[in-house]
Amino acid sequence: MLMSILMVVAATMRLWSLVGAQPLCRARKVRTGKVFNGGHQVQGDVLYFPSTMTCLIKHPCEKTTALYLGRQVFFTRDNFESSLLPLTIPTPMMVGQPEVTSAHFAGSRLLLVVSQKVYMYDYNADLWNTSEGIQHPVSHISGDNCCFAGNTFCLEISNSVFAYLHGEQISQANIYVSNNGGFSFQKFTYERQATLVGSLGGIFFLHSLSQVGLLVVNNRKGMFAYSDHPLTRSLGLAFDYNETLQALIPPGQRGLLILWSQNSLLSSLSAGQIVDTIQVQKGGQTLHPSIFGANVTVHNIAVYENGLAVLTREDHLYYGRLGIPSGSSSIIKFPDQQVWSQGAALMFLNPGKLQILTPLPDAASPAYDFRKCVVNIQAVLTGPDLHAEKCKIELMYGAFKGKMYTLDMNSQLEVTAIMIPRPGASLIPQVMVSNPYSLGLKTSIYEFDNTYAGNVLYRLDIRLKQQHHWGWFDPNFTSSIKRPTLSTLTVDVANKEISCMDLQPLTALISIGCDQEKKIIVQNKISACSSGVLDPRVLQDNYTYVIEKGSYNRGPGEEAATEDLLVSYPFKDLGCPGLVYYETPWKPVIELWQGEEFKALVEAEFVLREVHGLSTFSYALTAEAAGCSSQPQNWSSVLLSAHEAGQATWSRENYVSCHSPSSNNPLRWPDVQYQILGGRTDNRIIFKQWNGIYIFHLSVLDPYYSYCHLETTFSIYVYGAYPLSLFAPGVTIVLLVASMLLAVWLAHMIPRLLCTAGGHKIREAYRGLCRRCSSLCHCCRGLRC
C-alpha cells in the first residue's frame, strides 16, 4: 500500500513538473507559397551537400537572404518564410555530380563549389555562370563581406575571394584569388609558401588584421601563417588539429574566428594568433574544458555578433558568448527538448532570438515546407533552470556603434561611450582594437553625471590614431605605415554576465587609409581675369592658343616637335588662370580641403607637369643645392621606367626621396635640376621669356602625408616677358658702340676732307646736283599749272 502511495506521489510530482516546465521553443510549420510553386517542377540538376552535418549561411548584409546546405540545398530571400523548391543548377552547365562542398556570398552573388569547380549565381538576375581562370580542382572558397554601402574600401572586401583545394600540400598548393566577386580568378602565391611544411587547412582574408592568413596543418597541429609585417616573422600559436575543421569568420571584421567539427569547437579572438577551445560551463563553473569532454557530437552551429549556438546529435542545445575580453569563450547547456533531426540547422534572427530550422518534404508537392522553432534566449537565460546571474549593467551606449570611420595619415579620431551600472554594482570597461600593430588608442573614464534613480553615469573618452604616431612601440612591432590597413574598435565590460543579452559590445570599423572627402586646391587669389589681362567671355567662347614648336617637347626619347600645337582652353574645368609675373620665382600655394571645410596648407613634397609639354621654365635648385644624398628622380626617369609610353604617373606609390643615402643610386650628377617642390626645400619655378597659358597637373608625392592620391589640375597665365631680340645681347651692344664711334669719327673727318681738292670737287658736284633738282621742280610746277 505504501509503495502504491509513493508511486502515485512520484507520478503526480513528475506530472506537475512537466506541466510547469516551459518548453525551449514552440514549433510552427511554414507552407506559404505553395500556391505559386505547386505547378512548378524541379528543373536542372538538384544540388546536395555531402556532409552528415548541416550548414546554414546567412548573408551578412541582406538579413533575409540565406542558403541551407543539407541533403537538399535551399536558397531563400525571405528567411524561409515560404515553401521552397530545392536549388538546382542548369543542366547545360554540365557539372557532373552536383555535389556542393563550399559556398559563400560575395555581394549580391552566391558562389558555390560544385564538383571542384566554382559557379556563380546572380540571384537578382537569376543567372548562372562559371567562374573563369581556375585551372585546377578546388574544394573551398572563402571571403568576407562589408556592409557599409558606398565605401570603396568596403567594396574591395566584399569582392575579394579565395578558392583552394583543402588538404593539398602547401608547398605545391594551387590557390586562386578573385578581386571582382568571383567573376574571374588568378593564381595566388603566398610569399613563403614553398618553405612551409604541411597541408593546407584553409586561406582567409583576415581584414581585422589586414593580413592574409594561411592555416598550416602538420603533425596533428594547426598554425596560422600571415602575409605581412610584423606577423610574417613567426607562425601563430599551435593548437590541436585532430580532424578536418570547418572555418567560420563571423561578419563585422572583429577578429573572431570559429573552427569546428563533430568533436571540436575552437575560437580565436585575434584572427588566429591564439586559438582556444570553447569551454562548457554551468552556473559560472567550468564543467568541461572543451566540447569533446561533454561527450557530444556537434551537428550545426550559428553565430550572430557575439552569440554562439551549438546543436548536437544528442538533442542538446548550447549557447554562449564570443569575444569576452577576459578569459576563454564558453557555452552553457539549455534545457532539453526534442529539436534535433538530420536536417535541423540553427539560425539567429537577432541577438535574442534563435531559430531551429528543419526542411519537411511534402508528398503532394516538390516544394519543401519548413518547421521553425524559435528560442527566446533572454527568457531561457532568466529562467530558474540556468541560474544565470543578473546583468550588472543598465546602459552601454556609443554613437559610434555600427559605423565606419576613415582615419587618414596624421589624423586623429575621438569617440565617446556612456555606461551606467546597476545600483551597487561596479564595472571595468575594456577597449580593444583588433589590429594593434596599426591602430593605437588612449582612454580616460570619469563620473560624468547621475541619473534620476541615483545611478552613476560614466563617460569613456577614446582617442585613436595610428600606432606609429603614438611613439610607444618599436618600429619592428608596428605594420608598415605606407600600407592602408583596417581595424575594429570594440568597447565592452570585463566579466559581463551572459544574461546581458541586450548589451552587445560597441563596435566600429576603422579604415586607416584614404579619406575620400579630401581634396587639394591651388590658390588663385589674383587671376588673369580679375586683373584685366584676359577676358573671361573670350575664354569661354572655345578659346584656343598656339604653342610654338620650339616651346614644347613630346617627352624623353621622342622626336622634337615639327609643327606648332593648337590648344583649346578648358575654361569649364579650370576657370580663369592665375596670374604670374615671369621674372618672379614661383611656387603654387596648395590648400587641403575635407569636403567643404578648409583644413590646412599643404607643405608636403609635390611635383608639377605641364599637360601639353611646355618646356619654357626651369627649376631654381639643382640636386646638390637641394641637399640630395642620392640621385633624385625626375620626369625623364619616371617616364622612361613606365611600362607603357606616356602612361607613367609620379605619385606617392613610386616616389623615392633623394635625401636618404643609397648605395644603389649615388649622386652622380649633382648639377641636374631638382624637379620636386615643397617639403624641406624652397625650390621654385623660373619662367623663361615667354608669355602665355600653362596648364599644370600637380601630384603630392610625400608617402607620409596622406594615403590619398592628392592631385589636381590648374592653369596660370605668365605675363610681362618682352619679345626676344633678333641678336644676342652681346652682339647688340658691340654694334651700338661701333655705330657711335663711327658717327664721332665721321663728324671729325668730314669737315677736314671738304677743305682738300677732293672736297672742292665734291662740293661742285653737290651744287650741280642741286641745280638739276631745282630745274626739275620748276618744270613739275609748270605742268601742274
Foldseek 3Di string as FASTA:
>chain_A
DVVVVVVVVVVVVVVVCVVPDDDQWDKDWAAPPCVPFFVPDDAAAWAAEPDLFKEKAADPALRQWIWTHHRFIFTTSGVQNHWFFTDHDHCVVVLDRQYWQEWDDQDQWIWTQGNQFIKIANPVVRDIDGAAADDDGFRYKEAAADRDPPDPVRNQRSQWMKTWHFFAWQLPTFIWITRGNRNYIHTDDQPCRNVDGATWLDWYCLQQARWIWTWGADPQKIWIATRFPPRNVDIADIDGRNDRWDWDDDHDSQLWIWTDAQQFTWIDRQVGNDIAAAFEDAPPHTPGRHSNVVVWTWREWEDDQFKIWTATPVQWIWIWGPDFPDDHTYIYIFDGDRQDDSAWYWDDSHLQKIKIWGWAQDPSGSTTMIMIIIGRNLVRQPDPPRNFDDWFWDDKDWPQFPEEAEAKFPGKDKTKIKTWTDPPDDWDKDKDKSHLLWKDKDKDKDFDDADPVGITMMMIMMMMDTPVVVPPDDNSSHGDLLDKGKMKMWMDTHPTTRSVSVDRIGIYIYTHAFDVQKAKDWDQPAFCCVVPNDPQVCLVPQDKDKDAQVFFQDAPPDDGGDGIDIGTDPCVAAPTAHEDAQADFDDIWMWMDRHPRTDGTDQFKKFKDFPRGGDQKAKPAFQVRQQFQFDADDRRVQQVPDPDHPPGDQAQVPHDGRNDHDPVTGHPDRRHGDGMDGDPDHMTMRGHLDWAKTKMKMWGHHSSPTNDGHIDIYMHTYDDRDDDDPDDPVVVVVVVVVVVVVVVVCVVVVVVVLPDPVNVVVVVVVVVVVVVVVVVVVVVVVVVD
